[in-house]
Structures are given as C-alpha cells and as structure tokens.
Amino acid sequence: RASLPTGVHLISLPASHVIGPWAQRPGMSTRT
C-alpha cells in the first residue's frame, strides 16, 4: 500500500458493486 501511486487505494469491495468491464461501463458508447 505504501508503494502505490497517488490516486490508487487498496480497499475491500463487495462483488455486488462491480458492474462489468471498464471499457463497457454504463454511459460509454459502443461505437468506435
């Protein structure tokens, strides 16, 4: 944790809060 760059944090997160791949997150266009 001490070696992590600024803006990156080590946390515990329930699986129910993960909603999918970052590239396909809600609000992102599927068009390229």
Full PDB file with SEQRES, HELIX, SHEET, SSBOND, CRYST1, ORIGX, SCALE, CONECT and MASTER records, all heavy atoms in Angstrom:
SEQRES   1 A   32  ARG ALA SER LEU PRO THR GLY VAL HIS LEU ILE SER LEU          
SEQRES   2 A   32  PRO ALA SER HIS VAL ILE GLY PRO TRP ALA GLN ARG PRO          
SEQRES   3 A   32  GLY MET SER THR ARG THR                                      
HELIX    1 AA1 ALA A   15  HIS A   17  5                                   3    
HELIX    2 AA2 TRP A   22  GLN A   24  5                                   3    
CRYST1    1.000    1.000    1.000  90.00  90.00  90.00 P 1           1          
ORIGX1      1.000000  0.000000  0.000000        0.00000                         
ORIGX2      0.000000  1.000000  0.000000        0.00000                         
ORIGX3      0.000000  0.000000  1.000000        0.00000                         
SCALE1      1.000000  0.000000  0.000000        0.00000                         
SCALE2      0.000000  1.000000  0.000000        0.00000                         
SCALE3      0.000000  0.000000  1.000000        0.00000                         
ATOM      1  N   ARG A   1       0.833  -1.207   0.000  1.00  0.00           N  
ATOM      2  CA  ARG A   1       0.000   0.000   0.000  1.00  0.00           C  
ATOM      3  C   ARG A   1       0.866   1.254   0.000  1.00  0.00           C  
ATOM      4  O   ARG A   1       0.562   2.225  -0.692  1.00  0.00           O  
ATOM      5  CB  ARG A   1      -0.949   0.020   1.188  1.00  0.00           C  
ATOM      6  CG  ARG A   1      -1.808   1.294   1.167  1.00  0.00           C  
ATOM      7  CD  ARG A   1      -2.822   1.338   2.239  1.00  0.00           C  
ATOM      8  NE  ARG A   1      -2.193   1.476   3.536  1.00  0.00           N  
ATOM      9  CZ  ARG A   1      -2.863   1.663   4.654  1.00  0.00           C  
ATOM     10  NH1 ARG A   1      -4.166   1.702   4.649  1.00  0.00           N  
ATOM     11  NH2 ARG A   1      -2.233   1.781   5.793  1.00  0.00           N  
ATOM     12  N   ALA A   2       1.968   1.240   0.748  1.00  0.00           N  
ATOM     13  CA  ALA A   2       2.860   2.408   0.796  1.00  0.00           C  
ATOM     14  C   ALA A   2       3.510   2.679  -0.558  1.00  0.00           C  
ATOM     15  O   ALA A   2       3.871   3.815  -0.848  1.00  0.00           O  
ATOM     16  CB  ALA A   2       3.933   2.197   1.860  1.00  0.00           C  
ATOM     17  N   SER A   3       3.626   1.649  -1.401  1.00  0.00           N  
ATOM     18  CA  SER A   3       4.268   1.817  -2.703  1.00  0.00           C  
ATOM     19  C   SER A   3       3.300   2.263  -3.806  1.00  0.00           C  
ATOM     20  O   SER A   3       3.740   2.559  -4.916  1.00  0.00           O  
ATOM     21  CB  SER A   3       4.926   0.492  -3.129  1.00  0.00           C  
ATOM     22  OG  SER A   3       3.943  -0.444  -3.553  1.00  0.00           O  
ATOM     23  N   LEU A   4       2.014   2.306  -3.511  1.00  0.00           N  
ATOM     24  CA  LEU A   4       1.024   2.648  -4.536  1.00  0.00           C  
ATOM     25  C   LEU A   4       1.125   4.108  -4.960  1.00  0.00           C  
ATOM     26  O   LEU A   4       1.378   4.986  -4.126  1.00  0.00           O  
ATOM     27  CB  LEU A   4      -0.392   2.359  -4.023  1.00  0.00           C  
ATOM     28  CG  LEU A   4      -0.718   0.896  -3.787  1.00  0.00           C  
ATOM     29  CD1 LEU A   4      -2.086   0.758  -3.110  1.00  0.00           C  
ATOM     30  CD2 LEU A   4      -0.667   0.109  -5.081  1.00  0.00           C  
ATOM     31  N   PRO A   5       0.917   4.371  -6.245  1.00  0.00           N  
ATOM     32  CA  PRO A   5       0.968   5.765  -6.707  1.00  0.00           C  
ATOM     33  C   PRO A   5      -0.222   6.564  -6.178  1.00  0.00           C  
ATOM     34  O   PRO A   5      -1.245   6.005  -5.782  1.00  0.00           O  
ATOM     35  CB  PRO A   5       0.896   5.635  -8.234  1.00  0.00           C  
ATOM     36  CG  PRO A   5       0.296   4.305  -8.495  1.00  0.00           C  
ATOM     37  CD  PRO A   5       0.647   3.434  -7.334  1.00  0.00           C  
ATOM     38  N   THR A   6      -0.078   7.874  -6.193  1.00  0.00           N  
ATOM     39  CA  THR A   6      -1.154   8.772  -5.778  1.00  0.00           C  
ATOM     40  C   THR A   6      -2.401   8.485  -6.612  1.00  0.00           C  
ATOM     41  O   THR A   6      -2.319   8.318  -7.819  1.00  0.00           O  
ATOM     42  CB  THR A   6      -0.726  10.234  -5.990  1.00  0.00           C  
ATOM     43  OG1 THR A   6       0.463  10.455  -5.234  1.00  0.00           O  
ATOM     44  CG2 THR A   6      -1.815  11.199  -5.558  1.00  0.00           C  
ATOM     45  N   GLY A   7      -3.531   8.376  -5.953  1.00  0.00           N  
ATOM     46  CA  GLY A   7      -4.791   8.124  -6.650  1.00  0.00           C  
ATOM     47  C   GLY A   7      -5.190   6.664  -6.676  1.00  0.00           C  
ATOM     48  O   GLY A   7      -6.299   6.333  -7.061  1.00  0.00           O  
ATOM     49  N   VAL A   8      -4.304   5.754  -6.265  1.00  0.00           N  
ATOM     50  CA  VAL A   8      -4.612   4.323  -6.224  1.00  0.00           C  
ATOM     51  C   VAL A   8      -4.698   3.908  -4.753  1.00  0.00           C  
ATOM     52  O   VAL A   8      -3.767   4.135  -3.984  1.00  0.00           O  
ATOM     53  CB  VAL A   8      -3.550   3.478  -6.964  1.00  0.00           C  
ATOM     54  CG1 VAL A   8      -3.851   1.989  -6.824  1.00  0.00           C  
ATOM     55  CG2 VAL A   8      -3.474   3.876  -8.428  1.00  0.00           C  
ATOM     56  N   HIS A   9      -5.843   3.313  -4.384  1.00  0.00           N  
ATOM     57  CA  HIS A   9      -6.068   2.929  -2.988  1.00  0.00           C  
ATOM     58  C   HIS A   9      -6.459   1.463  -2.892  1.00  0.00           C  
ATOM     59  O   HIS A   9      -7.198   0.945  -3.730  1.00  0.00           O  
ATOM     60  CB  HIS A   9      -7.162   3.803  -2.372  1.00  0.00           C  
ATOM     61  CG  HIS A   9      -6.777   5.232  -2.312  1.00  0.00           C  
ATOM     62  ND1 HIS A   9      -6.010   5.754  -1.317  1.00  0.00           N  
ATOM     63  CD2 HIS A   9      -7.034   6.254  -3.168  1.00  0.00           C  
ATOM     64  CE1 HIS A   9      -5.812   7.035  -1.547  1.00  0.00           C  
ATOM     65  NE2 HIS A   9      -6.417   7.358  -2.672  1.00  0.00           N  
ATOM     66  N   LEU A  10      -6.008   0.822  -1.844  1.00  0.00           N  
ATOM     67  CA  LEU A  10      -6.308  -0.572  -1.553  1.00  0.00           C  
ATOM     68  C   LEU A  10      -7.544  -0.616  -0.663  1.00  0.00           C  
ATOM     69  O   LEU A  10      -7.556  -0.031   0.420  1.00  0.00           O  
ATOM     70  CB  LEU A  10      -5.103  -1.174  -0.835  1.00  0.00           C  
ATOM     71  CG  LEU A  10      -5.001  -2.663  -0.673  1.00  0.00           C  
ATOM     72  CD1 LEU A  10      -4.999  -3.371  -2.031  1.00  0.00           C  
ATOM     73  CD2 LEU A  10      -3.728  -3.011   0.083  1.00  0.00           C  
ATOM     74  N   ILE A  11      -8.608  -1.276  -1.147  1.00  0.00           N  
ATOM     75  CA  ILE A  11      -9.857  -1.324  -0.389  1.00  0.00           C  
ATOM     76  C   ILE A  11     -10.457  -2.727  -0.446  1.00  0.00           C  
ATOM     77  O   ILE A  11     -10.024  -3.575  -1.221  1.00  0.00           O  
ATOM     78  CB  ILE A  11     -10.895  -0.305  -0.909  1.00  0.00           C  
ATOM     79  CG1 ILE A  11     -11.334  -0.645  -2.340  1.00  0.00           C  
ATOM     80  CG2 ILE A  11     -10.354   1.122  -0.823  1.00  0.00           C  
ATOM     81  CD1 ILE A  11     -12.574   0.118  -2.810  1.00  0.00           C  
ATOM     82  N   SER A  12     -11.491  -2.924   0.348  1.00  0.00           N  
ATOM     83  CA  SER A  12     -12.323  -4.119   0.288  1.00  0.00           C  
ATOM     84  C   SER A  12     -13.630  -3.701  -0.367  1.00  0.00           C  
ATOM     85  O   SER A  12     -14.206  -2.677  -0.019  1.00  0.00           O  
ATOM     86  CB  SER A  12     -12.575  -4.632   1.703  1.00  0.00           C  
ATOM     87  OG  SER A  12     -13.556  -5.637   1.702  1.00  0.00           O  
ATOM     88  N   LEU A  13     -14.088  -4.497  -1.342  1.00  0.00           N  
ATOM     89  CA  LEU A  13     -15.292  -4.131  -2.090  1.00  0.00           C  
ATOM     90  C   LEU A  13     -16.154  -5.369  -2.317  1.00  0.00           C  
ATOM     91  O   LEU A  13     -15.663  -6.370  -2.839  1.00  0.00           O  
ATOM     92  CB  LEU A  13     -14.880  -3.528  -3.441  1.00  0.00           C  
ATOM     93  CG  LEU A  13     -15.988  -2.986  -4.328  1.00  0.00           C  
ATOM     94  CD1 LEU A  13     -16.523  -1.673  -3.759  1.00  0.00           C  
ATOM     95  CD2 LEU A  13     -15.454  -2.732  -5.728  1.00  0.00           C  
ATOM     96  N   PRO A  14     -17.433  -5.334  -1.943  1.00  0.00           N  
ATOM     97  CA  PRO A  14     -18.320  -6.464  -2.238  1.00  0.00           C  
ATOM     98  C   PRO A  14     -18.465  -6.660  -3.749  1.00  0.00           C  
ATOM     99  O   PRO A  14     -18.496  -5.692  -4.511  1.00  0.00           O  
ATOM    100  CB  PRO A  14     -19.655  -6.052  -1.621  1.00  0.00           C  
ATOM    101  CG  PRO A  14     -19.310  -5.027  -0.599  1.00  0.00           C  
ATOM    102  CD  PRO A  14     -18.113  -4.304  -1.152  1.00  0.00           C  
ATOM    103  N   ALA A  15     -18.550  -7.895  -4.172  1.00  0.00           N  
ATOM    104  CA  ALA A  15     -18.669  -8.209  -5.593  1.00  0.00           C  
ATOM    105  C   ALA A  15     -19.892  -7.556  -6.223  1.00  0.00           C  
ATOM    106  O   ALA A  15     -19.885  -7.222  -7.405  1.00  0.00           O  
ATOM    107  CB  ALA A  15     -18.723  -9.720  -5.795  1.00  0.00           C  
ATOM    108  N   SER A  16     -20.927  -7.326  -5.442  1.00  0.00           N  
ATOM    109  CA  SER A  16     -22.147  -6.727  -5.983  1.00  0.00           C  
ATOM    110  C   SER A  16     -21.933  -5.297  -6.476  1.00  0.00           C  
ATOM    111  O   SER A  16     -22.757  -4.771  -7.212  1.00  0.00           O  
ATOM    112  CB  SER A  16     -23.256  -6.745  -4.924  1.00  0.00           C  
ATOM    113  OG  SER A  16     -22.847  -6.021  -3.774  1.00  0.00           O  
ATOM    114  N   HIS A  17     -20.828  -4.666  -6.107  1.00  0.00           N  
ATOM    115  CA  HIS A  17     -20.540  -3.304  -6.566  1.00  0.00           C  
ATOM    116  C   HIS A  17     -19.786  -3.278  -7.891  1.00  0.00           C  
ATOM    117  O   HIS A  17     -19.629  -2.217  -8.484  1.00  0.00           O  
ATOM    118  CB  HIS A  17     -19.748  -2.537  -5.513  1.00  0.00           C  
ATOM    119  CG  HIS A  17     -20.525  -2.270  -4.269  1.00  0.00           C  
ATOM    120  ND1 HIS A  17     -21.762  -1.660  -4.254  1.00  0.00           N  
ATOM    121  CD2 HIS A  17     -20.251  -2.549  -2.971  1.00  0.00           C  
ATOM    122  CE1 HIS A  17     -22.203  -1.566  -3.014  1.00  0.00           C  
ATOM    123  NE2 HIS A  17     -21.307  -2.102  -2.221  1.00  0.00           N  
ATOM    124  N   VAL A  18     -19.304  -4.430  -8.351  1.00  0.00           N  
ATOM    125  CA  VAL A  18     -18.609  -4.497  -9.636  1.00  0.00           C  
ATOM    126  C   VAL A  18     -19.660  -4.688 -10.719  1.00  0.00           C  
ATOM    127  O   VAL A  18     -20.485  -5.591 -10.653  1.00  0.00           O  
ATOM    128  CB  VAL A  18     -17.579  -5.647  -9.656  1.00  0.00           C  
ATOM    129  CG1 VAL A  18     -16.897  -5.748 -11.015  1.00  0.00           C  
ATOM    130  CG2 VAL A  18     -16.544  -5.441  -8.549  1.00  0.00           C  
ATOM    131  N   ILE A  19     -19.639  -3.798 -11.733  1.00  0.00           N  
ATOM    132  CA  ILE A  19     -20.715  -3.824 -12.725  1.00  0.00           C  
ATOM    133  C   ILE A  19     -20.272  -4.255 -14.113  1.00  0.00           C  
ATOM    134  O   ILE A  19     -21.101  -4.326 -15.012  1.00  0.00           O  
ATOM    135  CB  ILE A  19     -21.438  -2.462 -12.784  1.00  0.00           C  
ATOM    136  CG1 ILE A  19     -20.459  -1.328 -13.078  1.00  0.00           C  
ATOM    137  CG2 ILE A  19     -22.186  -2.203 -11.501  1.00  0.00           C  
ATOM    138  CD1 ILE A  19     -21.117   0.037 -13.203  1.00  0.00           C  
ATOM    139  N   GLY A  20     -19.001  -4.567 -14.298  1.00  0.00           N  
ATOM    140  CA  GLY A  20     -18.541  -5.049 -15.595  1.00  0.00           C  
ATOM    141  C   GLY A  20     -17.213  -4.462 -15.999  1.00  0.00           C  
ATOM    142  O   GLY A  20     -16.578  -3.748 -15.229  1.00  0.00           O  
ATOM    143  N   PRO A  21     -16.798  -4.731 -17.236  1.00  0.00           N  
ATOM    144  CA  PRO A  21     -15.519  -4.202 -17.722  1.00  0.00           C  
ATOM    145  C   PRO A  21     -15.533  -2.673 -17.794  1.00  0.00           C  
ATOM    146  O   PRO A  21     -16.551  -2.073 -18.150  1.00  0.00           O  
ATOM    147  CB  PRO A  21     -15.383  -4.801 -19.125  1.00  0.00           C  
ATOM    148  CG  PRO A  21     -16.326  -5.959 -19.149  1.00  0.00           C  
ATOM    149  CD  PRO A  21     -17.434  -5.616 -18.201  1.00  0.00           C  
ATOM    150  N   TRP A  22     -14.417  -2.059 -17.477  1.00  0.00           N  
ATOM    151  CA  TRP A  22     -14.308  -0.607 -17.511  1.00  0.00           C  
ATOM    152  C   TRP A  22     -14.596  -0.064 -18.906  1.00  0.00           C  
ATOM    153  O   TRP A  22     -15.267   0.954 -19.054  1.00  0.00           O  
ATOM    154  CB  TRP A  22     -12.922  -0.176 -17.035  1.00  0.00           C  
ATOM    155  CG  TRP A  22     -12.719   1.298 -17.038  1.00  0.00           C  
ATOM    156  CD1 TRP A  22     -11.887   2.010 -17.845  1.00  0.00           C  
ATOM    157  CD2 TRP A  22     -13.360   2.260 -16.188  1.00  0.00           C  
ATOM    158  NE1 TRP A  22     -11.969   3.355 -17.549  1.00  0.00           N  
ATOM    159  CE2 TRP A  22     -12.867   3.534 -16.532  1.00  0.00           C  
ATOM    160  CE3 TRP A  22     -14.311   2.171 -15.180  1.00  0.00           C  
ATOM    161  CZ2 TRP A  22     -13.293   4.695 -15.904  1.00  0.00           C  
ATOM    162  CZ3 TRP A  22     -14.724   3.332 -14.550  1.00  0.00           C  
ATOM    163  CH2 TRP A  22     -14.216   4.579 -14.915  1.00  0.00           C  
ATOM    164  N   ALA A  23     -14.105  -0.736 -19.935  1.00  0.00           N  
ATOM    165  CA  ALA A  23     -14.306  -0.271 -21.310  1.00  0.00           C  
ATOM    166  C   ALA A  23     -15.780  -0.298 -21.721  1.00  0.00           C  
ATOM    167  O   ALA A  23     -16.171   0.389 -22.658  1.00  0.00           O  
ATOM    168  CB  ALA A  23     -13.473  -1.105 -22.270  1.00  0.00           C  
ATOM    169  N   GLN A  24     -16.603  -1.088 -21.023  1.00  0.00           N  
ATOM    170  CA  GLN A  24     -18.021  -1.210 -21.367  1.00  0.00           C  
ATOM    171  C   GLN A  24     -18.916  -0.650 -20.264  1.00  0.00           C  
ATOM    172  O   GLN A  24     -20.085  -1.011 -20.159  1.00  0.00           O  
ATOM    173  CB  GLN A  24     -18.361  -2.679 -21.626  1.00  0.00           C  
ATOM    174  CG  GLN A  24     -17.600  -3.257 -22.781  1.00  0.00           C  
ATOM    175  CD  GLN A  24     -17.805  -4.759 -22.890  1.00  0.00           C  
ATOM    176  OE1 GLN A  24     -18.603  -5.360 -22.187  1.00  0.00           O  
ATOM    177  NE2 GLN A  24     -17.048  -5.374 -23.774  1.00  0.00           N  
ATOM    178  N   ARG A  25     -18.390   0.253 -19.458  1.00  0.00           N  
ATOM    179  CA  ARG A  25     -19.162   0.809 -18.347  1.00  0.00           C  
ATOM    180  C   ARG A  25     -20.367   1.595 -18.870  1.00  0.00           C  
ATOM    181  O   ARG A  25     -20.358   2.076 -20.002  1.00  0.00           O  
ATOM    182  CB  ARG A  25     -18.282   1.700 -17.482  1.00  0.00           C  
ATOM    183  CG  ARG A  25     -17.756   2.931 -18.172  1.00  0.00           C  
ATOM    184  CD  ARG A  25     -16.652   3.581 -17.343  1.00  0.00           C  
ATOM    185  NE  ARG A  25     -16.067   4.732 -18.000  1.00  0.00           N  
ATOM    186  CZ  ARG A  25     -15.116   4.685 -18.915  1.00  0.00           C  
ATOM    187  NH1 ARG A  25     -14.633   3.521 -19.316  1.00  0.00           N  
ATOM    188  NH2 ARG A  25     -14.613   5.790 -19.443  1.00  0.00           N  
ATOM    189  N   PRO A  26     -21.400   1.701 -18.066  1.00  0.00           N  
ATOM    190  CA  PRO A  26     -22.575   2.469 -18.477  1.00  0.00           C  
ATOM    191  C   PRO A  26     -22.181   3.898 -18.858  1.00  0.00           C  
ATOM    192  O   PRO A  26     -21.331   4.511 -18.227  1.00  0.00           O  
ATOM    193  CB  PRO A  26     -23.448   2.484 -17.212  1.00  0.00           C  
ATOM    194  CG  PRO A  26     -23.049   1.234 -16.497  1.00  0.00           C  
ATOM    195  CD  PRO A  26     -21.570   1.091 -16.751  1.00  0.00           C  
ATOM    196  N   GLY A  27     -22.786   4.380 -19.925  1.00  0.00           N  
ATOM    197  CA  GLY A  27     -22.509   5.719 -20.403  1.00  0.00           C  
ATOM    198  C   GLY A  27     -21.463   5.776 -21.502  1.00  0.00           C  
ATOM    199  O   GLY A  27     -21.278   6.804 -22.116  1.00  0.00           O  
ATOM    200  N   MET A  28     -20.773   4.667 -21.735  1.00  0.00           N  
ATOM    201  CA  MET A  28     -19.759   4.632 -22.802  1.00  0.00           C  
ATOM    202  C   MET A  28     -20.426   4.207 -24.095  1.00  0.00           C  
ATOM    203  O   MET A  28     -21.251   3.285 -24.116  1.00  0.00           O  
ATOM    204  CB  MET A  28     -18.633   3.656 -22.469  1.00  0.00           C  
ATOM    205  CG  MET A  28     -17.774   4.112 -21.317  1.00  0.00           C  
ATOM    206  SD  MET A  28     -17.004   5.732 -21.564  1.00  0.00           S  
ATOM    207  CE  MET A  28     -15.972   5.404 -22.971  1.00  0.00           C  
ATOM    208  N   SER A  29     -20.081   4.833 -25.170  1.00  0.00           N  
ATOM    209  CA  SER A  29     -20.619   4.487 -26.478  1.00  0.00           C  
ATOM    210  C   SER A  29     -19.988   3.195 -26.970  1.00  0.00           C  
ATOM    211  O   SER A  29     -18.802   2.968 -26.773  1.00  0.00           O  
ATOM    212  CB  SER A  29     -20.320   5.607 -27.459  1.00  0.00           C  
ATOM    213  OG  SER A  29     -20.700   5.226 -28.753  1.00  0.00           O  
ATOM    214  N   THR A  30     -20.760   2.343 -27.604  1.00  0.00           N  
ATOM    215  CA  THR A  30     -20.221   1.101 -28.156  1.00  0.00           C  
ATOM    216  C   THR A  30     -19.716   1.315 -29.569  1.00  0.00           C  
ATOM    217  O   THR A  30     -19.141   0.415 -30.165  1.00  0.00           O  
ATOM    218  CB  THR A  30     -21.297  -0.019 -28.163  1.00  0.00           C  
ATOM    219  OG1 THR A  30     -22.437   0.461 -28.881  1.00  0.00           O  
ATOM    220  CG2 THR A  30     -21.658  -0.389 -26.745  1.00  0.00           C  
ATOM    221  N   ARG A  31     -19.909   2.510 -30.102  1.00  0.00           N  
ATOM    222  CA  ARG A  31     -19.408   2.825 -31.436  1.00  0.00           C  
ATOM    223  C   ARG A  31     -17.943   3.193 -31.376  1.00  0.00           C  
ATOM    224  O   ARG A  31     -17.498   3.810 -30.431  1.00  0.00           O  
ATOM    225  CB  ARG A  31     -20.194   3.982 -32.051  1.00  0.00           C  
ATOM    226  CG  ARG A  31     -21.624   3.613 -32.367  1.00  0.00           C  
ATOM    227  CD  ARG A  31     -22.343   4.789 -32.928  1.00  0.00           C  
ATOM    228  NE  ARG A  31     -22.915   5.500 -31.765  1.00  0.00           N  
ATOM    229  CZ  ARG A  31     -23.177   6.792 -31.748  1.00  0.00           C  
ATOM    230  NH1 ARG A  31     -22.914   7.539 -32.793  1.00  0.00           N  
ATOM    231  NH2 ARG A  31     -23.698   7.353 -30.687  1.00  0.00           N  
ATOM    232  N   THR A  32     -17.188   2.825 -32.418  1.00  0.00           N  
ATOM    233  CA  THR A  32     -15.781   3.181 -32.482  1.00  0.00           C  
ATOM    234  C   THR A  32     -15.518   4.182 -33.578  1.00  0.00           C  
ATOM    235  O   THR A  32     -16.291   4.436 -34.432  1.00  0.00           O  
ATOM    236  CB  THR A  32     -14.902   1.942 -32.720  1.00  0.00           C  
ATOM    237  OG1 THR A  32     -15.333   1.290 -33.901  1.00  0.00           O  
ATOM    238  CG2 THR A  32     -14.963   1.035 -31.512  1.00  0.00           C  
TER     239      THR A  32                                                      
MASTER        0    0    0    2    0    0    0    6  238    1    0    3          
END                                                                             
